[in-house]
Amino acid sequence: MRTRRLAREDEATLVEHLEELRSRLIVAISTVVIAGGVAFAFHGRILDWLARPLPPADRPVAAFSVAEPFSVSLTVSLYAGLLFALPVLLWQVWSFVAPALDAAAERRILALAALGLVLGAAGLAFGYEILLPRAVHWLAGYDTTHFRLLIRASTYYSFVASVLLGVVCVFELPLVVLALVSLGVLSSAVLRRNRRRGYFVVAIVALALPGPDPVTTLLELLPMWVLFEGSIWLAVVAERRTAKMSLAGAQA
């Protein structure tokens, strides 16, 4: 199987490209399966880690069918396998498309990818350590006079996954803004001119996220405002750098 990354000067036929794509898909799928199998071997620890934000009185979560413990364990292990295999998956995608890019584009994409990984890790840590425990405790303790809470395993782990994924997506806001600026869809001038509207939209998004108590909403809102403001200044830096590179190219 061809998994060697082609150099820029290498030429390949359509059949060779398809063969390379097939081999990289096989590597990617095999990695996910292996990582998922390893995760399933340690699924008890993963489930404990995900259940940690719950109040002790609500642990362990309940299962309402015979197959639910196994199906939930398998689903969580597959998602964990995808997460663990993500570096290999990204490398396979990058190795396939990189030969078609010039050196400058390759450096920009690598920088954006590194920024995206850092922002995603920060979002995951923020969601798990700060947002999720407060949201879960507030929701689990809401109106205990009229409700006796039985937390279903499948529902709880889906809720955790959606919250963490949502927070990670929110933390990728600077990356999205930089990409739009690079494509010419946005500019730092437009962002600065509409700063107040942007802050208002960010506040609406924070209110829409899970965890509607005031403390949790504030914890969501503050980093989102910081990310939005940081996106504006990142756009300024990106535009200045692009202008400088264009001037240098014109002089050359």
C-alpha atoms as a PDB file:
ATOM      1  CA  MET A   1       0.000   0.000   0.000  1.00  0.00           C
ATOM      2  CA  ARG A   2       1.204   3.532  -0.802  1.00  0.00           C
ATOM      3  CA  THR A   3       1.279   5.605   2.395  1.00  0.00           C
ATOM      4  CA  ARG A   4       4.440   7.551   1.646  1.00  0.00           C
ATOM      5  CA  ARG A   5       3.821  11.258   1.342  1.00  0.00           C
ATOM      6  CA  LEU A   6       4.483  12.541  -2.161  1.00  0.00           C
ATOM      7  CA  ALA A   7       6.955  15.360  -2.654  1.00  0.00           C
ATOM      8  CA  ARG A   8       5.817  18.508  -4.449  1.00  0.00           C
ATOM      9  CA  GLU A   9       7.872  17.685  -7.503  1.00  0.00           C
ATOM     10  CA  ASP A  10       6.490  14.149  -7.740  1.00  0.00           C
ATOM     11  CA  GLU A  11       3.831  13.420 -10.332  1.00  0.00           C
ATOM     12  CA  ALA A  12       1.218  10.717  -9.965  1.00  0.00           C
ATOM     13  CA  THR A  13      -1.591   9.413 -12.113  1.00  0.00           C
ATOM     14  CA  LEU A  14      -5.237   9.383 -11.080  1.00  0.00           C
ATOM     15  CA  VAL A  15      -4.997   5.653 -10.346  1.00  0.00           C
ATOM     16  CA  GLU A  16      -1.971   6.227  -8.108  1.00  0.00           C
ATOM     17  CA  HIS A  17      -3.821   8.989  -6.237  1.00  0.00           C
ATOM     18  CA  LEU A  18      -6.829   6.709  -5.734  1.00  0.00           C
ATOM     19  CA  GLU A  19      -4.547   3.920  -4.546  1.00  0.00           C
ATOM     20  CA  GLU A  20      -2.915   6.282  -2.066  1.00  0.00           C
ATOM     21  CA  LEU A  21      -6.327   7.464  -0.871  1.00  0.00           C
ATOM     22  CA  ARG A  22      -7.459   3.863  -0.364  1.00  0.00           C
ATOM     23  CA  SER A  23      -4.358   2.983   1.631  1.00  0.00           C
ATOM     24  CA  ARG A  24      -4.688   6.057   3.828  1.00  0.00           C
ATOM     25  CA  LEU A  25      -8.351   5.258   4.492  1.00  0.00           C
ATOM     26  CA  ILE A  26      -7.333   1.741   5.526  1.00  0.00           C
ATOM     27  CA  VAL A  27      -4.706   3.152   7.901  1.00  0.00           C
ATOM     28  CA  ALA A  28      -7.213   5.641   9.345  1.00  0.00           C
ATOM     29  CA  ILE A  29      -9.983   3.080   9.871  1.00  0.00           C
ATOM     30  CA  SER A  30      -7.548   0.540  11.344  1.00  0.00           C
ATOM     31  CA  THR A  31      -6.255   3.171  13.773  1.00  0.00           C
ATOM     32  CA  VAL A  32      -9.771   4.056  14.926  1.00  0.00           C
ATOM     33  CA  VAL A  33     -10.653   0.369  15.416  1.00  0.00           C
ATOM     34  CA  ILE A  34      -7.469  -0.319  17.400  1.00  0.00           C
ATOM     35  CA  ALA A  35      -7.840   2.837  19.493  1.00  0.00           C
ATOM     36  CA  GLY A  36     -11.501   1.994  20.125  1.00  0.00           C
ATOM     37  CA  GLY A  37     -10.544  -1.510  21.226  1.00  0.00           C
ATOM     38  CA  VAL A  38      -7.971  -0.132  23.665  1.00  0.00           C
ATOM     39  CA  ALA A  39     -10.534   2.370  24.948  1.00  0.00           C
ATOM     40  CA  PHE A  40     -13.082  -0.428  25.451  1.00  0.00           C
ATOM     41  CA  ALA A  41     -10.531  -2.334  27.522  1.00  0.00           C
ATOM     42  CA  PHE A  42     -10.398   0.685  29.836  1.00  0.00           C
ATOM     43  CA  HIS A  43     -13.981   1.850  29.377  1.00  0.00           C
ATOM     44  CA  GLY A  44     -14.675   1.653  33.115  1.00  0.00           C
ATOM     45  CA  ARG A  45     -12.135   4.381  33.816  1.00  0.00           C
ATOM     46  CA  ILE A  46     -13.472   6.498  30.957  1.00  0.00           C
ATOM     47  CA  LEU A  47     -17.050   6.189  32.252  1.00  0.00           C
ATOM     48  CA  ASP A  48     -15.892   7.105  35.764  1.00  0.00           C
ATOM     49  CA  TRP A  49     -14.071  10.145  34.385  1.00  0.00           C
ATOM     50  CA  LEU A  50     -17.142  11.302  32.467  1.00  0.00           C
ATOM     51  CA  ALA A  51     -19.420  10.711  35.470  1.00  0.00           C
ATOM     52  CA  ARG A  52     -17.217  12.702  37.847  1.00  0.00           C
ATOM     53  CA  PRO A  53     -19.159  15.988  37.319  1.00  0.00           C
ATOM     54  CA  LEU A  54     -22.288  14.310  38.728  1.00  0.00           C
ATOM     55  CA  PRO A  55     -23.146  14.764  42.417  1.00  0.00           C
ATOM     56  CA  PRO A  56     -22.065  11.633  44.367  1.00  0.00           C
ATOM     57  CA  ALA A  57     -25.683  10.860  45.220  1.00  0.00           C
ATOM     58  CA  ASP A  58     -26.545  10.482  41.520  1.00  0.00           C
ATOM     59  CA  ARG A  59     -23.769   8.009  40.755  1.00  0.00           C
ATOM     60  CA  PRO A  60     -23.759   5.460  39.218  1.00  0.00           C
ATOM     61  CA  VAL A  61     -26.188   6.357  36.436  1.00  0.00           C
ATOM     62  CA  ALA A  62     -29.160   4.108  35.696  1.00  0.00           C
ATOM     63  CA  ALA A  63     -29.710   1.753  32.762  1.00  0.00           C
ATOM     64  CA  PHE A  64     -33.280   1.066  31.566  1.00  0.00           C
ATOM     65  CA  SER A  65     -32.672  -1.896  29.274  1.00  0.00           C
ATOM     66  CA  VAL A  66     -30.636  -5.087  29.342  1.00  0.00           C
ATOM     67  CA  ALA A  67     -28.453  -3.993  26.438  1.00  0.00           C
ATOM     68  CA  GLU A  68     -27.906  -0.392  27.571  1.00  0.00           C
ATOM     69  CA  PRO A  69     -24.746  -0.944  29.692  1.00  0.00           C
ATOM     70  CA  PHE A  70     -22.996  -2.661  26.779  1.00  0.00           C
ATOM     71  CA  SER A  71     -24.261  -0.264  24.090  1.00  0.00           C
ATOM     72  CA  VAL A  72     -23.283   2.813  26.102  1.00  0.00           C
ATOM     73  CA  SER A  73     -19.856   1.347  26.890  1.00  0.00           C
ATOM     74  CA  LEU A  74     -19.324   0.544  23.213  1.00  0.00           C
ATOM     75  CA  THR A  75     -20.462   3.985  22.029  1.00  0.00           C
ATOM     76  CA  VAL A  76     -18.271   5.818  24.551  1.00  0.00           C
ATOM     77  CA  SER A  77     -15.308   3.626  23.577  1.00  0.00           C
ATOM     78  CA  LEU A  78     -15.810   4.414  19.876  1.00  0.00           C
ATOM     79  CA  TYR A  79     -15.906   8.147  20.557  1.00  0.00           C
ATOM     80  CA  ALA A  80     -12.818   7.827  22.745  1.00  0.00           C
ATOM     81  CA  GLY A  81     -11.123   5.832  19.990  1.00  0.00           C
ATOM     82  CA  LEU A  82     -11.870   8.618  17.511  1.00  0.00           C
ATOM     83  CA  LEU A  83     -10.396  11.171  19.893  1.00  0.00           C
ATOM     84  CA  PHE A  84      -7.254   9.109  20.552  1.00  0.00           C
ATOM     85  CA  ALA A  85      -6.816   8.395  16.837  1.00  0.00           C
ATOM     86  CA  LEU A  86      -7.300  12.043  15.848  1.00  0.00           C
ATOM     87  CA  PRO A  87      -3.552  12.814  15.438  1.00  0.00           C
ATOM     88  CA  VAL A  88      -3.150   9.891  13.022  1.00  0.00           C
ATOM     89  CA  LEU A  89      -6.314  10.854  11.125  1.00  0.00           C
ATOM     90  CA  LEU A  90      -5.180  14.445  10.746  1.00  0.00           C
ATOM     91  CA  TRP A  91      -1.740  13.317   9.626  1.00  0.00           C
ATOM     92  CA  GLN A  92      -3.236  11.044   6.945  1.00  0.00           C
ATOM     93  CA  VAL A  93      -5.399  13.886   5.611  1.00  0.00           C
ATOM     94  CA  TRP A  94      -2.484  16.302   5.686  1.00  0.00           C
ATOM     95  CA  SER A  95      -0.100  13.906   3.961  1.00  0.00           C
ATOM     96  CA  PHE A  96      -2.621  13.394   1.169  1.00  0.00           C
ATOM     97  CA  VAL A  97      -3.319  17.079   0.431  1.00  0.00           C
ATOM     98  CA  ALA A  98       0.037  18.692   1.319  1.00  0.00           C
ATOM     99  CA  PRO A  99       1.846  17.896  -1.988  1.00  0.00           C
ATOM    100  CA  ALA A 100      -0.696  20.074  -3.829  1.00  0.00           C
ATOM    101  CA  LEU A 101       0.179  23.137  -1.711  1.00  0.00           C
ATOM    102  CA  ASP A 102       3.039  25.560  -2.052  1.00  0.00           C
ATOM    103  CA  ALA A 103       5.445  26.149   0.836  1.00  0.00           C
ATOM    104  CA  ALA A 104       3.744  29.355   2.037  1.00  0.00           C
ATOM    105  CA  ALA A 105       0.268  27.779   2.074  1.00  0.00           C
ATOM    106  CA  GLU A 106       1.645  24.734   3.867  1.00  0.00           C
ATOM    107  CA  ARG A 107       3.128  26.882   6.627  1.00  0.00           C
ATOM    108  CA  ARG A 108      -0.124  28.822   7.055  1.00  0.00           C
ATOM    109  CA  ILE A 109      -2.233  25.675   7.269  1.00  0.00           C
ATOM    110  CA  LEU A 110       0.157  24.068   9.763  1.00  0.00           C
ATOM    111  CA  ALA A 111       0.021  27.204  11.912  1.00  0.00           C
ATOM    112  CA  LEU A 112      -3.793  27.229  11.780  1.00  0.00           C
ATOM    113  CA  ALA A 113      -3.894  23.515  12.621  1.00  0.00           C
ATOM    114  CA  ALA A 114      -1.617  24.038  15.620  1.00  0.00           C
ATOM    115  CA  LEU A 115      -3.795  26.928  16.778  1.00  0.00           C
ATOM    116  CA  GLY A 116      -6.912  24.793  16.333  1.00  0.00           C
ATOM    117  CA  LEU A 117      -5.466  21.969  18.443  1.00  0.00           C
ATOM    118  CA  VAL A 118      -4.482  24.367  21.230  1.00  0.00           C
ATOM    119  CA  LEU A 119      -7.905  26.043  21.204  1.00  0.00           C
ATOM    120  CA  GLY A 120      -9.675  22.668  21.128  1.00  0.00           C
ATOM    121  CA  ALA A 121      -7.664  21.377  24.100  1.00  0.00           C
ATOM    122  CA  ALA A 122      -8.371  24.591  26.013  1.00  0.00           C
ATOM    123  CA  GLY A 123     -12.082  24.302  25.243  1.00  0.00           C
ATOM    124  CA  LEU A 124     -12.175  20.674  26.351  1.00  0.00           C
ATOM    125  CA  ALA A 125     -10.416  21.508  29.628  1.00  0.00           C
ATOM    126  CA  PHE A 126     -12.679  24.497  30.272  1.00  0.00           C
ATOM    127  CA  GLY A 127     -15.822  22.527  29.488  1.00  0.00           C
ATOM    128  CA  TYR A 128     -14.902  19.559  31.681  1.00  0.00           C
ATOM    129  CA  GLU A 129     -13.301  21.325  34.638  1.00  0.00           C
ATOM    130  CA  ILE A 130     -15.433  24.472  34.920  1.00  0.00           C
ATOM    131  CA  LEU A 131     -18.608  24.469  32.854  1.00  0.00           C
ATOM    132  CA  LEU A 132     -19.850  20.874  32.989  1.00  0.00           C
ATOM    133  CA  PRO A 133     -19.718  20.346  36.790  1.00  0.00           C
ATOM    134  CA  ARG A 134     -21.648  23.555  37.469  1.00  0.00           C
ATOM    135  CA  ALA A 135     -24.212  22.871  34.755  1.00  0.00           C
ATOM    136  CA  VAL A 136     -24.755  19.280  35.906  1.00  0.00           C
ATOM    137  CA  HIS A 137     -25.034  20.199  39.607  1.00  0.00           C
ATOM    138  CA  TRP A 138     -27.519  22.980  38.882  1.00  0.00           C
ATOM    139  CA  LEU A 139     -29.669  20.868  36.568  1.00  0.00           C
ATOM    140  CA  ALA A 140     -29.555  17.801  38.840  1.00  0.00           C
ATOM    141  CA  GLY A 141     -30.624  19.880  41.844  1.00  0.00           C
ATOM    142  CA  TYR A 142     -33.394  21.773  40.104  1.00  0.00           C
ATOM    143  CA  ASP A 143     -36.802  21.514  41.857  1.00  0.00           C
ATOM    144  CA  THR A 144     -36.144  18.342  43.840  1.00  0.00           C
ATOM    145  CA  THR A 145     -39.502  18.910  45.582  1.00  0.00           C
ATOM    146  CA  HIS A 146     -41.498  17.943  42.501  1.00  0.00           C
ATOM    147  CA  PHE A 147     -39.040  15.640  40.699  1.00  0.00           C
ATOM    148  CA  ARG A 148     -37.124  12.520  41.677  1.00  0.00           C
ATOM    149  CA  LEU A 149     -34.195  12.404  39.327  1.00  0.00           C
ATOM    150  CA  LEU A 150     -33.124   9.117  37.744  1.00  0.00           C
ATOM    151  CA  ILE A 151     -30.234   9.805  35.391  1.00  0.00           C
ATOM    152  CA  ARG A 152     -30.242   7.456  32.420  1.00  0.00           C
ATOM    153  CA  ALA A 153     -26.800   6.389  31.216  1.00  0.00           C
ATOM    154  CA  SER A 154     -27.330   6.953  27.490  1.00  0.00           C
ATOM    155  CA  THR A 155     -28.952  10.359  28.030  1.00  0.00           C
ATOM    156  CA  TYR A 156     -26.284  11.563  30.449  1.00  0.00           C
ATOM    157  CA  TYR A 157     -23.303  10.585  28.306  1.00  0.00           C
ATOM    158  CA  SER A 158     -24.942  12.124  25.232  1.00  0.00           C
ATOM    159  CA  PHE A 159     -25.445  15.328  27.219  1.00  0.00           C
ATOM    160  CA  VAL A 160     -21.781  15.342  28.301  1.00  0.00           C
ATOM    161  CA  ALA A 161     -20.610  14.766  24.736  1.00  0.00           C
ATOM    162  CA  SER A 162     -22.830  17.550  23.341  1.00  0.00           C
ATOM    163  CA  VAL A 163     -21.699  20.054  25.982  1.00  0.00           C
ATOM    164  CA  LEU A 164     -18.004  19.312  25.506  1.00  0.00           C
ATOM    165  CA  LEU A 165     -18.314  19.353  21.718  1.00  0.00           C
ATOM    166  CA  GLY A 166     -20.211  22.640  21.863  1.00  0.00           C
ATOM    167  CA  VAL A 167     -17.592  24.281  24.069  1.00  0.00           C
ATOM    168  CA  VAL A 168     -14.771  23.042  21.813  1.00  0.00           C
ATOM    169  CA  CYS A 169     -16.572  24.500  18.777  1.00  0.00           C
ATOM    170  CA  VAL A 170     -17.004  27.829  20.561  1.00  0.00           C
ATOM    171  CA  PHE A 171     -13.298  27.923  21.417  1.00  0.00           C
ATOM    172  CA  GLU A 172     -12.490  27.479  17.726  1.00  0.00           C
ATOM    173  CA  LEU A 173     -13.988  30.917  17.001  1.00  0.00           C
ATOM    174  CA  PRO A 174     -10.581  32.610  16.432  1.00  0.00           C
ATOM    175  CA  LEU A 175      -9.670  29.911  13.918  1.00  0.00           C
ATOM    176  CA  VAL A 176     -12.897  30.441  11.982  1.00  0.00           C
ATOM    177  CA  VAL A 177     -12.369  34.209  11.962  1.00  0.00           C
ATOM    178  CA  LEU A 178      -8.793  33.835  10.714  1.00  0.00           C
ATOM    179  CA  ALA A 179      -9.948  31.499   7.948  1.00  0.00           C
ATOM    180  CA  LEU A 180     -12.651  33.964   6.837  1.00  0.00           C
ATOM    181  CA  VAL A 181     -10.156  36.823   6.902  1.00  0.00           C
ATOM    182  CA  SER A 182      -7.712  34.781   4.819  1.00  0.00           C
ATOM    183  CA  LEU A 183     -10.479  34.126   2.259  1.00  0.00           C
ATOM    184  CA  GLY A 184     -11.401  37.815   2.149  1.00  0.00           C
ATOM    185  CA  VAL A 185     -14.909  37.242   3.527  1.00  0.00           C
ATOM    186  CA  LEU A 186     -14.189  39.264   6.691  1.00  0.00           C
ATOM    187  CA  SER A 187     -11.764  42.002   7.632  1.00  0.00           C
ATOM    188  CA  SER A 188     -10.535  43.414  10.916  1.00  0.00           C
ATOM    189  CA  ALA A 189     -12.172  46.740  10.025  1.00  0.00           C
ATOM    190  CA  VAL A 190     -15.592  45.063   9.687  1.00  0.00           C
ATOM    191  CA  LEU A 191     -15.101  43.199  12.970  1.00  0.00           C
ATOM    192  CA  ARG A 192     -14.094  46.343  14.849  1.00  0.00           C
ATOM    193  CA  ARG A 193     -16.949  48.350  13.325  1.00  0.00           C
ATOM    194  CA  ASN A 194     -19.463  45.693  14.461  1.00  0.00           C
ATOM    195  CA  ARG A 195     -17.828  44.927  17.807  1.00  0.00           C
ATOM    196  CA  ARG A 196     -20.932  45.738  19.871  1.00  0.00           C
ATOM    197  CA  ARG A 197     -23.129  43.539  17.700  1.00  0.00           C
ATOM    198  CA  GLY A 198     -20.569  40.768  17.998  1.00  0.00           C
ATOM    199  CA  TYR A 199     -20.593  40.969  21.789  1.00  0.00           C
ATOM    200  CA  PHE A 200     -24.390  40.845  21.755  1.00  0.00           C
ATOM    201  CA  VAL A 201     -24.426  37.752  19.505  1.00  0.00           C
ATOM    202  CA  VAL A 202     -21.836  36.074  21.748  1.00  0.00           C
ATOM    203  CA  ALA A 203     -24.037  36.779  24.783  1.00  0.00           C
ATOM    204  CA  ILE A 204     -27.047  35.197  23.032  1.00  0.00           C
ATOM    205  CA  VAL A 205     -24.959  32.100  22.233  1.00  0.00           C
ATOM    206  CA  ALA A 206     -23.838  31.875  25.872  1.00  0.00           C
ATOM    207  CA  LEU A 207     -27.463  32.014  27.043  1.00  0.00           C
ATOM    208  CA  ALA A 208     -28.384  29.244  24.585  1.00  0.00           C
ATOM    209  CA  LEU A 209     -25.709  26.853  25.821  1.00  0.00           C
ATOM    210  CA  PRO A 210     -26.559  24.220  28.491  1.00  0.00           C
ATOM    211  CA  GLY A 211     -26.361  25.398  32.088  1.00  0.00           C
ATOM    212  CA  PRO A 212     -28.796  28.319  32.251  1.00  0.00           C
ATOM    213  CA  ASP A 213     -28.053  29.401  35.862  1.00  0.00           C
ATOM    214  CA  PRO A 214     -26.393  32.838  36.200  1.00  0.00           C
ATOM    215  CA  VAL A 215     -23.032  31.557  37.463  1.00  0.00           C
ATOM    216  CA  THR A 216     -22.613  29.053  34.646  1.00  0.00           C
ATOM    217  CA  THR A 217     -23.751  31.565  32.030  1.00  0.00           C
ATOM    218  CA  LEU A 218     -21.175  34.068  33.284  1.00  0.00           C
ATOM    219  CA  LEU A 219     -18.492  31.377  33.181  1.00  0.00           C
ATOM    220  CA  GLU A 220     -19.421  30.704  29.562  1.00  0.00           C
ATOM    221  CA  LEU A 221     -19.729  34.334  28.586  1.00  0.00           C
ATOM    222  CA  LEU A 222     -16.417  35.724  29.840  1.00  0.00           C
ATOM    223  CA  PRO A 223     -14.099  33.391  27.862  1.00  0.00           C
ATOM    224  CA  MET A 224     -16.342  33.760  24.804  1.00  0.00           C
ATOM    225  CA  TRP A 225     -15.955  37.555  24.930  1.00  0.00           C
ATOM    226  CA  VAL A 226     -12.207  37.128  25.352  1.00  0.00           C
ATOM    227  CA  LEU A 227     -12.106  34.795  22.348  1.00  0.00           C
ATOM    228  CA  PHE A 228     -14.134  37.218  20.239  1.00  0.00           C
ATOM    229  CA  GLU A 229     -11.866  40.140  21.111  1.00  0.00           C
ATOM    230  CA  GLY A 230      -8.813  37.964  20.510  1.00  0.00           C
ATOM    231  CA  SER A 231     -10.224  37.028  17.106  1.00  0.00           C
ATOM    232  CA  ILE A 232     -10.360  40.696  16.115  1.00  0.00           C
ATOM    233  CA  TRP A 233      -6.719  41.295  16.987  1.00  0.00           C
ATOM    234  CA  LEU A 234      -5.631  38.052  15.370  1.00  0.00           C
ATOM    235  CA  ALA A 235      -7.344  39.289  12.215  1.00  0.00           C
ATOM    236  CA  VAL A 236      -5.382  42.561  12.460  1.00  0.00           C
ATOM    237  CA  VAL A 237      -2.097  40.666  12.798  1.00  0.00           C
ATOM    238  CA  ALA A 238      -2.973  38.331   9.904  1.00  0.00           C
ATOM    239  CA  GLU A 239      -3.848  41.239   7.607  1.00  0.00           C
ATOM    240  CA  ARG A 240      -0.650  43.106   8.428  1.00  0.00           C
ATOM    241  CA  ARG A 241       1.416  40.003   7.797  1.00  0.00           C
ATOM    242  CA  THR A 242      -0.331  39.347   4.488  1.00  0.00           C
ATOM    243  CA  ALA A 243       0.207  42.934   3.404  1.00  0.00           C
ATOM    244  CA  LYS A 244       3.887  42.750   4.343  1.00  0.00           C
ATOM    245  CA  MET A 245       4.347  39.516   2.387  1.00  0.00           C
ATOM    246  CA  SER A 246       2.565  40.983  -0.650  1.00  0.00           C
ATOM    247  CA  LEU A 247       4.783  44.077  -0.537  1.00  0.00           C
ATOM    248  CA  ALA A 248       7.908  41.943  -0.287  1.00  0.00           C
ATOM    249  CA  GLY A 249       6.735  39.850  -3.243  1.00  0.00           C
ATOM    250  CA  ALA A 250       6.031  42.943  -5.336  1.00  0.00           C
ATOM    251  CA  GLN A 251       9.473  44.376  -4.612  1.00  0.00           C
ATOM    252  CA  ALA A 252      11.124  41.080  -5.511  1.00  0.00           C
END
